[in-house]
Amino acid sequence: LLNIALLTVSCGSFSKITVGNINGIKVKGIEDNALKVEVKIPVENPTMHKIIVTDFDSKVFINDKYLGKIIMNDKIVFPSKSDDVYNVGMNVRLANFFGAALTMMNLRSGQKINIRMEGELSARSGLMRRKIPINESREVII
């Protein structure tokens, strides 16, 4: 999910980051009407500056069905001169618990799904800060 957002960055040290396809999405559970997920995202940061994603606020759709709003659990730090796979913890605040449960129950491991996101990502590198609009769609294997 995060890789979609980082691909839209277009200036300064942010533009040099390479984000690969999501390696996996693991559902950790449901708590307080929120779906807890962990997403594996490969990111290469060849710059001399670390990049910190401070906020992620996005609506998420699975196969064109509104699932809810994504909220990051913690800041994400991409160290300088790094190339690694990051486990990113997120919560999806479900819009409709029963509708989301039905959508999730119909998904199988290894299945391709279309994830669409609309929202905003906030990141910083040194003194430079950016709010990056997100309006992306991508197929992902769960």
Protein backbone atom coordinates (compact mmCIF):
# COMPACT_ATOMS: atom_id res chain seq x y z
CA LEU A 1 0.00 0.00 0.00
CA LEU A 2 2.71 2.40 0.93
CA ASN A 3 4.63 1.67 -2.29
CA ILE A 4 1.80 3.14 -4.33
CA ALA A 5 2.12 6.40 -2.45
CA LEU A 6 5.91 6.64 -2.62
CA LEU A 7 5.86 6.13 -6.39
CA THR A 8 4.01 9.44 -6.77
CA VAL A 9 6.79 11.51 -5.16
CA SER A 10 8.47 13.70 -7.74
CA CYS A 11 11.20 15.98 -6.38
CA GLY A 12 14.30 16.27 -4.22
CA SER A 13 15.74 13.24 -2.47
CA PHE A 14 12.28 11.65 -2.39
CA SER A 15 12.33 11.02 -6.15
CA LYS A 16 15.31 8.65 -5.95
CA ILE A 17 13.53 6.10 -3.78
CA THR A 18 12.66 2.85 -5.57
CA VAL A 19 9.68 0.96 -4.21
CA GLY A 20 9.02 -2.60 -5.33
CA ASN A 21 5.80 -4.56 -5.38
CA ILE A 22 4.23 -5.59 -2.10
CA ASN A 23 5.65 -8.99 -1.05
CA GLY A 24 2.71 -9.90 1.12
CA ILE A 25 -0.15 -8.77 3.29
CA LYS A 26 -0.75 -10.52 6.59
CA VAL A 27 -3.96 -9.98 8.54
CA LYS A 28 -3.03 -9.87 12.23
CA GLY A 29 -6.55 -9.59 13.62
CA ILE A 30 -9.52 -7.34 14.22
CA GLU A 31 -9.79 -4.99 17.19
CA ASP A 32 -12.19 -2.11 17.85
CA ASN A 33 -13.68 -2.21 14.33
CA ALA A 34 -10.17 -2.02 12.80
CA LEU A 35 -8.39 -4.65 10.73
CA LYS A 36 -4.75 -4.96 11.83
CA VAL A 37 -2.46 -5.77 8.90
CA GLU A 38 1.25 -6.09 8.23
CA VAL A 39 2.49 -5.28 4.73
CA LYS A 40 5.93 -6.32 3.38
CA ILE A 41 7.32 -3.60 1.12
CA PRO A 42 10.75 -3.62 -0.59
CA VAL A 43 12.28 -0.11 -0.63
CA GLU A 44 15.65 1.11 -1.92
CA ASN A 45 16.87 4.50 -0.70
CA PRO A 46 20.20 5.24 -2.49
CA THR A 47 20.36 8.82 -1.17
CA MET A 48 22.56 10.13 1.61
CA HIS A 49 19.44 11.09 3.61
CA LYS A 50 17.04 8.99 5.59
CA ILE A 51 13.39 9.34 4.63
CA ILE A 52 10.76 9.28 7.36
CA VAL A 53 7.10 8.66 6.58
CA THR A 54 5.29 10.44 9.39
CA ASP A 55 1.63 10.07 8.44
CA PHE A 56 -0.52 8.07 6.06
CA ASP A 57 -4.20 8.87 5.66
CA SER A 58 -5.99 7.06 2.87
CA LYS A 59 -9.26 5.44 1.91
CA VAL A 60 -8.78 1.88 0.68
CA PHE A 61 -10.85 -0.10 -1.78
CA ILE A 62 -10.48 -3.83 -2.47
CA ASN A 63 -11.79 -4.93 -5.86
CA ASP A 64 -13.68 -1.59 -6.05
CA LYS A 65 -15.46 -2.14 -2.72
CA TYR A 66 -14.81 0.50 -0.04
CA LEU A 67 -13.13 -1.22 2.89
CA GLY A 68 -12.27 1.70 5.16
CA LYS A 69 -9.53 4.14 6.10
CA ILE A 70 -5.85 3.20 6.52
CA ILE A 71 -3.93 4.51 9.51
CA MET A 72 -0.21 3.86 10.10
CA ASN A 73 0.72 2.37 13.45
CA ASP A 74 4.18 3.95 13.64
CA LYS A 75 6.51 6.19 11.65
CA ILE A 76 8.47 4.38 8.95
CA VAL A 77 12.18 5.15 8.53
CA PHE A 78 14.07 4.30 5.33
CA PRO A 79 17.77 4.67 6.27
CA SER A 80 20.21 6.29 3.84
CA LYS A 81 21.92 3.95 1.37
CA SER A 82 19.52 1.11 2.19
CA ASP A 83 17.84 -1.64 0.18
CA ASP A 84 15.57 -3.77 2.34
CA VAL A 85 12.09 -5.23 2.81
CA TYR A 86 10.12 -3.42 5.49
CA ASN A 87 7.28 -4.81 7.59
CA VAL A 88 4.80 -1.97 7.88
CA GLY A 89 2.03 -2.23 10.48
CA MET A 90 -1.25 -0.53 9.62
CA ASN A 91 -4.82 -0.45 10.82
CA VAL A 92 -7.74 -0.32 8.44
CA ARG A 93 -10.65 1.37 10.22
CA LEU A 94 -13.55 -0.54 8.68
CA ALA A 95 -16.43 1.45 7.21
CA ASN A 96 -18.87 -1.42 7.53
CA PHE A 97 -17.73 -4.33 9.66
CA PHE A 98 -20.04 -6.93 8.13
CA GLY A 99 -19.42 -5.80 4.54
CA ALA A 100 -15.65 -5.80 5.13
CA ALA A 101 -15.81 -9.22 6.80
CA LEU A 102 -17.70 -10.63 3.81
CA THR A 103 -15.14 -9.13 1.40
CA MET A 104 -12.21 -10.51 3.44
CA MET A 105 -13.78 -13.97 3.81
CA ASN A 106 -14.03 -14.25 0.03
CA LEU A 107 -10.27 -13.68 -0.38
CA ARG A 108 -7.92 -16.64 -0.56
CA SER A 109 -4.17 -16.85 -0.03
CA GLY A 110 -2.34 -16.48 -3.34
CA GLN A 111 -5.27 -14.64 -4.93
CA LYS A 112 -4.76 -11.44 -6.94
CA ILE A 113 -6.76 -8.47 -5.71
CA ASN A 114 -6.98 -4.87 -6.86
CA ILE A 115 -6.16 -2.36 -4.13
CA ARG A 116 -7.05 1.27 -4.79
CA MET A 117 -6.13 4.11 -2.45
CA GLU A 118 -7.15 7.76 -2.27
CA GLY A 119 -5.62 10.07 0.30
CA GLU A 120 -2.38 11.66 1.44
CA LEU A 121 1.06 10.67 2.74
CA SER A 122 3.38 12.93 4.78
CA ALA A 123 7.14 12.38 4.67
CA ARG A 124 10.30 14.26 5.56
CA SER A 125 14.00 14.13 4.83
CA GLY A 126 16.11 16.50 6.90
CA LEU A 127 14.37 19.88 6.75
CA MET A 128 12.36 19.03 3.62
CA ARG A 129 8.76 17.99 4.23
CA ARG A 130 6.21 16.84 1.67
CA LYS A 131 2.52 16.03 1.65
CA ILE A 132 1.98 13.69 -1.24
CA PRO A 133 -1.47 13.08 -2.71
CA ILE A 134 -2.35 9.43 -3.32
CA ASN A 135 -4.70 8.24 -6.03
CA GLU A 136 -3.36 4.88 -7.17
CA SER A 137 -4.51 1.39 -7.99
CA ARG A 138 -2.46 -1.81 -8.09
CA GLU A 139 -2.91 -5.58 -8.29
CA VAL A 140 -1.47 -7.43 -5.31
CA ILE A 141 -1.17 -11.13 -4.46
CA ILE A 142 -2.28 -11.79 -0.88
